[in-house]
Amino acid sequence: MRLEVPALLAAALVPAALLAFPAHAQHSHMHGMHGNASGHEAMPVRATEGVVQKVDREAGKITLRHGEIPSMGMPAMTMVFKVKEPVLLEKVKAGDSVRFTAMNDAGSMVLTAIDRVN
């Protein structure tokens, strides 16, 4: 049995296209949800709870130990966030339990809101 070249090509491309589609769809969903470097506005993440580990007012950064952030596929961890507005750092100190909102702005996590939780 002899297959023609177009049939061989189609047989090779169809599985490749099927495998690539879910990855592209996931990338597009994630890309639109979290913003990008091309000037599109980044989307905020839902409020998440955490504990302040360190406040660096001079650098405009805060270190938070936070729970899982499912909307970003992020497990619980301790990480450093830049702050959108330096005044946000005046509200909290190390050891405070907080609820915060952040966004992924061109690959950099930026804290956009924070409040102490009693």
C-alpha atoms as a PDB file:
ATOM      1  CA  MET A   1       0.000   0.000   0.000  1.00  0.00           C
ATOM      2  CA  ARG A   2       1.398   3.385  -0.978  1.00  0.00           C
ATOM      3  CA  LEU A   3       0.372   6.684   0.656  1.00  0.00           C
ATOM      4  CA  GLU A   4       0.662   9.911  -1.256  1.00  0.00           C
ATOM      5  CA  VAL A   5       2.740  12.743   0.201  1.00  0.00           C
ATOM      6  CA  PRO A   6      -0.291  14.973   1.038  1.00  0.00           C
ATOM      7  CA  ALA A   7      -1.888  12.103   2.983  1.00  0.00           C
ATOM      8  CA  LEU A   8       1.333  11.547   4.947  1.00  0.00           C
ATOM      9  CA  LEU A   9       1.595  15.240   5.674  1.00  0.00           C
ATOM     10  CA  ALA A  10      -2.022  15.422   6.893  1.00  0.00           C
ATOM     11  CA  ALA A  11      -1.519  12.327   9.055  1.00  0.00           C
ATOM     12  CA  ALA A  12       1.461  14.012  10.735  1.00  0.00           C
ATOM     13  CA  LEU A  13      -0.105  17.470  11.156  1.00  0.00           C
ATOM     14  CA  VAL A  14      -3.501  16.524  12.588  1.00  0.00           C
ATOM     15  CA  PRO A  15      -2.149  14.955  15.822  1.00  0.00           C
ATOM     16  CA  ALA A  16       0.318  17.815  16.237  1.00  0.00           C
ATOM     17  CA  ALA A  17      -2.470  20.381  15.865  1.00  0.00           C
ATOM     18  CA  LEU A  18      -4.659  18.555  18.386  1.00  0.00           C
ATOM     19  CA  LEU A  19      -1.836  18.477  20.923  1.00  0.00           C
ATOM     20  CA  ALA A  20      -0.993  22.144  20.453  1.00  0.00           C
ATOM     21  CA  PHE A  21      -4.540  23.490  20.808  1.00  0.00           C
ATOM     22  CA  PRO A  22      -5.059  22.871  24.564  1.00  0.00           C
ATOM     23  CA  ALA A  23      -1.705  24.446  25.372  1.00  0.00           C
ATOM     24  CA  HIS A  24      -2.521  27.468  23.248  1.00  0.00           C
ATOM     25  CA  ALA A  25      -5.975  27.788  24.815  1.00  0.00           C
ATOM     26  CA  GLN A  26      -4.510  27.625  28.313  1.00  0.00           C
ATOM     27  CA  HIS A  27      -1.811  30.151  27.461  1.00  0.00           C
ATOM     28  CA  SER A  28      -4.373  32.532  25.979  1.00  0.00           C
ATOM     29  CA  HIS A  29      -6.585  32.239  29.055  1.00  0.00           C
ATOM     30  CA  MET A  30      -3.678  32.827  31.429  1.00  0.00           C
ATOM     31  CA  HIS A  31      -2.307  35.636  29.274  1.00  0.00           C
ATOM     32  CA  GLY A  32      -5.591  37.544  29.228  1.00  0.00           C
ATOM     33  CA  MET A  33      -6.209  36.998  32.903  1.00  0.00           C
ATOM     34  CA  HIS A  34      -2.901  38.251  34.189  1.00  0.00           C
ATOM     35  CA  GLY A  35      -1.892  40.971  31.779  1.00  0.00           C
ATOM     36  CA  ASN A  36       1.198  41.216  29.652  1.00  0.00           C
ATOM     37  CA  ALA A  37       4.088  43.381  28.638  1.00  0.00           C
ATOM     38  CA  SER A  38       2.405  44.792  25.521  1.00  0.00           C
ATOM     39  CA  GLY A  39       0.564  47.527  27.387  1.00  0.00           C
ATOM     40  CA  HIS A  40      -2.673  45.685  28.114  1.00  0.00           C
ATOM     41  CA  GLU A  41      -3.953  46.346  31.600  1.00  0.00           C
ATOM     42  CA  ALA A  42      -3.127  43.574  34.076  1.00  0.00           C
ATOM     43  CA  MET A  43      -6.023  41.915  35.858  1.00  0.00           C
ATOM     44  CA  PRO A  44      -6.094  41.899  39.665  1.00  0.00           C
ATOM     45  CA  VAL A  45      -6.173  38.664  41.608  1.00  0.00           C
ATOM     46  CA  ARG A  46      -8.931  38.047  44.145  1.00  0.00           C
ATOM     47  CA  ALA A  47      -8.142  39.002  47.736  1.00  0.00           C
ATOM     48  CA  THR A  48      -5.897  36.490  49.473  1.00  0.00           C
ATOM     49  CA  GLU A  49      -4.954  36.141  53.123  1.00  0.00           C
ATOM     50  CA  GLY A  50      -1.398  36.130  54.377  1.00  0.00           C
ATOM     51  CA  VAL A  51       1.013  37.201  57.093  1.00  0.00           C
ATOM     52  CA  VAL A  52       3.494  40.050  56.699  1.00  0.00           C
ATOM     53  CA  GLN A  53       7.057  38.801  57.073  1.00  0.00           C
ATOM     54  CA  LYS A  54       8.920  42.000  56.213  1.00  0.00           C
ATOM     55  CA  VAL A  55       8.157  45.547  55.102  1.00  0.00           C
ATOM     56  CA  ASP A  56      10.815  47.399  53.085  1.00  0.00           C
ATOM     57  CA  ARG A  57       9.452  50.929  52.722  1.00  0.00           C
ATOM     58  CA  GLU A  58      12.652  52.219  51.140  1.00  0.00           C
ATOM     59  CA  ALA A  59      12.493  49.668  48.301  1.00  0.00           C
ATOM     60  CA  GLY A  60       8.681  49.744  48.048  1.00  0.00           C
ATOM     61  CA  LYS A  61       8.401  46.002  48.707  1.00  0.00           C
ATOM     62  CA  ILE A  62       6.650  43.684  51.136  1.00  0.00           C
ATOM     63  CA  THR A  63       7.318  40.034  51.929  1.00  0.00           C
ATOM     64  CA  LEU A  64       4.182  37.992  52.571  1.00  0.00           C
ATOM     65  CA  ARG A  65       3.599  34.373  53.549  1.00  0.00           C
ATOM     66  CA  HIS A  66       0.328  33.654  51.775  1.00  0.00           C
ATOM     67  CA  GLY A  67      -2.064  30.821  51.137  1.00  0.00           C
ATOM     68  CA  GLU A  68      -2.747  29.257  47.779  1.00  0.00           C
ATOM     69  CA  ILE A  69      -3.862  31.625  45.019  1.00  0.00           C
ATOM     70  CA  PRO A  70      -5.893  29.295  42.771  1.00  0.00           C
ATOM     71  CA  SER A  71      -6.709  31.967  40.178  1.00  0.00           C
ATOM     72  CA  MET A  72      -2.985  32.201  39.435  1.00  0.00           C
ATOM     73  CA  GLY A  73      -2.156  28.530  39.915  1.00  0.00           C
ATOM     74  CA  MET A  74       0.153  29.593  42.748  1.00  0.00           C
ATOM     75  CA  PRO A  75       0.709  27.362  45.782  1.00  0.00           C
ATOM     76  CA  ALA A  76       1.051  28.702  49.310  1.00  0.00           C
ATOM     77  CA  MET A  77       4.482  30.305  49.711  1.00  0.00           C
ATOM     78  CA  THR A  78       6.458  33.256  51.006  1.00  0.00           C
ATOM     79  CA  MET A  79       7.266  35.842  48.369  1.00  0.00           C
ATOM     80  CA  VAL A  80       8.196  39.473  47.816  1.00  0.00           C
ATOM     81  CA  PHE A  81       5.716  41.836  46.161  1.00  0.00           C
ATOM     82  CA  LYS A  82       6.345  45.313  44.796  1.00  0.00           C
ATOM     83  CA  VAL A  83       3.688  47.773  45.960  1.00  0.00           C
ATOM     84  CA  LYS A  84       1.673  49.862  43.539  1.00  0.00           C
ATOM     85  CA  GLU A  85       1.473  52.761  46.010  1.00  0.00           C
ATOM     86  CA  PRO A  86       4.096  53.233  48.788  1.00  0.00           C
ATOM     87  CA  VAL A  87       1.341  54.422  51.166  1.00  0.00           C
ATOM     88  CA  LEU A  88       0.114  50.800  51.326  1.00  0.00           C
ATOM     89  CA  LEU A  89       3.178  49.898  53.388  1.00  0.00           C
ATOM     90  CA  GLU A  90       2.210  52.383  56.106  1.00  0.00           C
ATOM     91  CA  LYS A  91      -0.827  50.264  57.008  1.00  0.00           C
ATOM     92  CA  VAL A  92       1.049  47.123  58.095  1.00  0.00           C
ATOM     93  CA  LYS A  93       4.062  45.764  59.963  1.00  0.00           C
ATOM     94  CA  ALA A  94       5.809  42.398  60.270  1.00  0.00           C
ATOM     95  CA  GLY A  95       3.597  39.848  61.999  1.00  0.00           C
ATOM     96  CA  ASP A  96       0.273  41.361  60.869  1.00  0.00           C
ATOM     97  CA  SER A  97      -2.345  39.026  59.399  1.00  0.00           C
ATOM     98  CA  VAL A  98      -3.593  40.657  56.201  1.00  0.00           C
ATOM     99  CA  ARG A  99      -5.941  40.333  53.261  1.00  0.00           C
ATOM    100  CA  PHE A 100      -4.366  41.606  50.064  1.00  0.00           C
ATOM    101  CA  THR A 101      -4.935  41.937  46.354  1.00  0.00           C
ATOM    102  CA  ALA A 102      -2.145  41.660  43.818  1.00  0.00           C
ATOM    103  CA  MET A 103      -1.718  41.469  40.075  1.00  0.00           C
ATOM    104  CA  ASN A 104       0.810  40.115  37.648  1.00  0.00           C
ATOM    105  CA  ASP A 105       2.127  43.130  35.771  1.00  0.00           C
ATOM    106  CA  ALA A 106       4.402  42.000  32.947  1.00  0.00           C
ATOM    107  CA  GLY A 107       5.754  39.128  35.052  1.00  0.00           C
ATOM    108  CA  SER A 108       6.179  41.128  38.252  1.00  0.00           C
ATOM    109  CA  MET A 109       3.806  40.565  41.186  1.00  0.00           C
ATOM    110  CA  VAL A 110       2.457  43.929  42.349  1.00  0.00           C
ATOM    111  CA  LEU A 111       0.456  44.438  45.546  1.00  0.00           C
ATOM    112  CA  THR A 112      -2.501  46.730  44.814  1.00  0.00           C
ATOM    113  CA  ALA A 113      -4.382  46.664  48.155  1.00  0.00           C
ATOM    114  CA  ILE A 114      -3.773  45.448  51.698  1.00  0.00           C
ATOM    115  CA  ASP A 115      -5.699  45.533  54.978  1.00  0.00           C
ATOM    116  CA  ARG A 116      -5.043  44.050  58.398  1.00  0.00           C
ATOM    117  CA  VAL A 117      -7.298  41.209  59.481  1.00  0.00           C
ATOM    118  CA  ASN A 118      -8.249  40.981  63.164  1.00  0.00           C
END
